[in-house]
């Protein structure tokens, strides 16, 4: 139990930090790509969708799973707190509250990683929708101009 207590915070926050790093990196990469994409080079909508949505699954996955990583850290922290109380044989309210408060920081960390990931994902998906509609509009205009000639 001492190993879990010793390495719990560093493990949970390292995983959350890694998730955050991946989410932020892919969000920047996608934002730059979507800002500079040339729609005219795509011949079909399927290829356009594949290219526009590449790596967005990472943002979605981090947004969906970071709270669970934090929650796991919280549950293990509470488990350690109860174990220590059981070992000591006394009910010290101060140590219980301190243990629970420290355990909850993992959930807060998970939520802090998830919220920006979901915001990035939704923002980028909206940009994908706009670009797809612009591409369709260009195709219709090209068809109208070709039919007029």
Protein backbone atom coordinates (compact mmCIF):
# COMPACT_ATOMS: atom_id res chain seq x y z
CA UNK A 1 0.00 0.00 0.00
CA UNK A 2 2.95 2.31 0.62
CA UNK A 3 4.03 2.02 -3.04
CA UNK A 4 0.59 3.00 -4.23
CA UNK A 5 0.57 6.01 -1.93
CA UNK A 6 4.07 7.00 -2.94
CA UNK A 7 3.50 6.80 -6.71
CA UNK A 8 -0.23 7.53 -7.07
CA UNK A 9 -0.06 11.28 -7.65
CA UNK A 10 2.94 11.17 -9.95
CA UNK A 11 1.41 8.36 -12.00
CA UNK A 12 -2.05 9.92 -12.35
CA UNK A 13 -0.73 13.38 -13.12
CA UNK A 14 1.89 12.02 -15.53
CA UNK A 15 -0.82 10.20 -17.47
CA UNK A 16 -3.01 13.31 -17.45
CA UNK A 17 -0.05 15.44 -18.52
CA UNK A 18 0.71 13.10 -21.40
CA UNK A 19 -2.94 13.12 -22.46
CA UNK A 20 -2.96 16.90 -22.30
CA UNK A 21 0.25 17.15 -24.32
CA UNK A 22 -1.13 14.88 -27.05
CA UNK A 23 -4.45 16.73 -27.13
CA UNK A 24 -2.81 20.16 -27.31
CA UNK A 25 -0.30 19.05 -29.94
CA UNK A 26 -2.93 17.53 -32.21
CA UNK A 27 -5.25 20.50 -31.67
CA UNK A 28 -2.54 22.90 -32.86
CA UNK A 29 -1.64 20.65 -35.80
CA UNK A 30 -5.28 20.35 -36.90
CA UNK A 31 -5.96 24.06 -36.44
CA UNK A 32 -2.98 24.95 -38.65
CA UNK A 33 -3.97 22.37 -41.25
CA UNK A 34 -7.62 23.45 -41.36
CA UNK A 35 -6.59 27.08 -41.60
CA UNK A 36 -4.41 26.46 -44.66
CA UNK A 37 -6.15 23.58 -46.46
CA UNK A 38 -6.75 23.97 -50.20
CA UNK A 39 -10.18 22.56 -50.96
CA UNK A 40 -9.61 22.51 -54.72
CA UNK A 41 -7.20 19.59 -54.49
CA UNK A 42 -9.93 17.19 -53.35
CA UNK A 43 -11.93 15.28 -55.95
CA UNK A 44 -14.35 13.48 -53.66
CA UNK A 45 -16.01 14.18 -50.35
CA UNK A 46 -14.83 10.99 -48.66
CA UNK A 47 -11.17 11.88 -49.14
CA UNK A 48 -11.90 15.42 -47.97
CA UNK A 49 -13.56 14.14 -44.80
CA UNK A 50 -10.72 11.73 -44.07
CA UNK A 51 -8.10 14.46 -44.41
CA UNK A 52 -10.05 17.08 -42.48
CA UNK A 53 -10.86 14.82 -39.52
CA UNK A 54 -7.45 13.14 -39.22
CA UNK A 55 -6.21 13.03 -35.58
CA UNK A 56 -9.43 14.49 -34.16
CA UNK A 57 -10.09 11.12 -32.49
CA UNK A 58 -7.23 11.91 -30.11
CA UNK A 59 -9.02 15.03 -28.86
CA UNK A 60 -12.26 13.13 -28.49
CA UNK A 61 -10.60 10.27 -26.66
CA UNK A 62 -8.75 12.55 -24.25
CA UNK A 63 -11.91 14.55 -23.58
CA UNK A 64 -13.88 11.40 -22.87
CA UNK A 65 -11.29 9.54 -20.79
CA UNK A 66 -9.35 12.15 -18.79
CA UNK A 67 -12.10 12.40 -16.14
CA UNK A 68 -11.95 8.63 -15.69
CA UNK A 69 -8.19 8.71 -15.16
CA UNK A 70 -8.74 11.43 -12.54
CA UNK A 71 -11.56 9.45 -10.96
CA UNK A 72 -9.35 6.37 -10.74
CA UNK A 73 -6.76 8.46 -8.91
CA UNK A 74 -9.44 9.73 -6.55
CA UNK A 75 -10.79 6.27 -5.80
CA UNK A 76 -7.29 4.96 -5.09
CA UNK A 77 -6.58 8.01 -2.90
CA UNK A 78 -9.74 7.37 -0.89
CA UNK A 79 -8.81 3.70 -0.62
CA UNK A 80 -5.41 4.66 0.79
CA UNK A 81 -7.04 7.09 3.25
CA UNK A 82 -9.41 4.43 4.56
CA UNK A 83 -6.60 1.89 4.75
CA UNK A 84 -4.48 4.28 6.84
CA UNK A 85 -7.43 5.00 9.14
CA UNK A 86 -8.00 1.27 9.55
CA UNK A 87 -4.34 0.69 10.34
CA UNK A 88 -4.18 3.48 12.91
CA UNK A 89 -7.32 2.30 14.73
CA UNK A 90 -8.43 5.86 15.48
CA UNK A 91 -10.98 8.12 13.83
CA UNK A 92 -9.18 11.41 13.31
CA UNK A 93 -11.48 13.77 11.42
CA UNK A 94 -8.60 15.96 10.34
CA UNK A 95 -6.70 13.12 8.67
CA UNK A 96 -9.87 11.83 7.00
CA UNK A 97 -10.68 15.23 5.53
CA UNK A 98 -7.08 15.84 4.47
CA UNK A 99 -6.90 12.44 2.77
CA UNK A 100 -10.19 12.97 0.95
CA UNK A 101 -9.25 16.50 -0.12
CA UNK A 102 -5.93 15.29 -1.51
CA UNK A 103 -7.66 12.41 -3.30
CA UNK A 104 -10.10 14.75 -5.04
CA UNK A 105 -7.32 16.71 -6.75
CA UNK A 106 -6.96 13.85 -9.23
CA UNK A 107 -10.59 14.26 -10.35
CA UNK A 108 -10.06 18.00 -10.68
CA UNK A 109 -6.97 17.34 -12.81
CA UNK A 110 -8.90 14.97 -15.06
CA UNK A 111 -11.67 17.50 -15.57
CA UNK A 112 -9.11 20.25 -16.22
CA UNK A 113 -7.62 18.15 -19.03
CA UNK A 114 -10.99 17.07 -20.46
CA UNK A 115 -12.67 20.47 -20.79
CA UNK A 116 -10.13 22.07 -23.18
CA UNK A 117 -9.92 18.84 -25.19
CA UNK A 118 -13.68 18.82 -25.74
CA UNK A 119 -13.66 22.55 -26.59
CA UNK A 120 -10.85 22.02 -29.12
CA UNK A 121 -12.64 19.01 -30.59
CA UNK A 122 -15.96 20.83 -30.99
CA UNK A 123 -14.29 23.93 -32.44
CA UNK A 124 -12.31 21.91 -34.96
CA UNK A 125 -15.32 19.78 -35.92
CA UNK A 126 -17.26 22.96 -36.62
CA UNK A 127 -14.43 24.11 -38.88
CA UNK A 128 -14.55 20.72 -40.66
CA UNK A 129 -18.31 21.19 -41.23
CA UNK A 130 -17.78 24.69 -42.65
CA UNK A 131 -14.98 23.54 -44.96
CA UNK A 132 -17.06 20.60 -46.18
CA UNK A 133 -19.97 22.92 -46.96
CA UNK A 134 -17.63 25.31 -48.76
CA UNK A 135 -16.24 22.39 -50.80
CA UNK A 136 -19.77 21.28 -51.75
CA UNK A 137 -20.62 24.85 -52.73
CA UNK A 138 -17.55 25.06 -54.95
CA UNK A 139 -18.51 21.78 -56.62
CA UNK A 140 -22.03 23.04 -57.32
CA UNK A 141 -20.70 26.28 -58.75
CA UNK A 142 -18.24 24.38 -60.94
CA UNK A 143 -21.14 22.18 -62.17
CA UNK A 144 -23.29 25.23 -62.94
CA UNK A 145 -20.46 26.92 -64.83
CA UNK A 146 -19.68 23.74 -66.77
CA UNK A 147 -23.36 23.28 -67.69
CA UNK A 148 -23.63 26.89 -68.87
CA UNK A 149 -20.72 26.48 -71.27
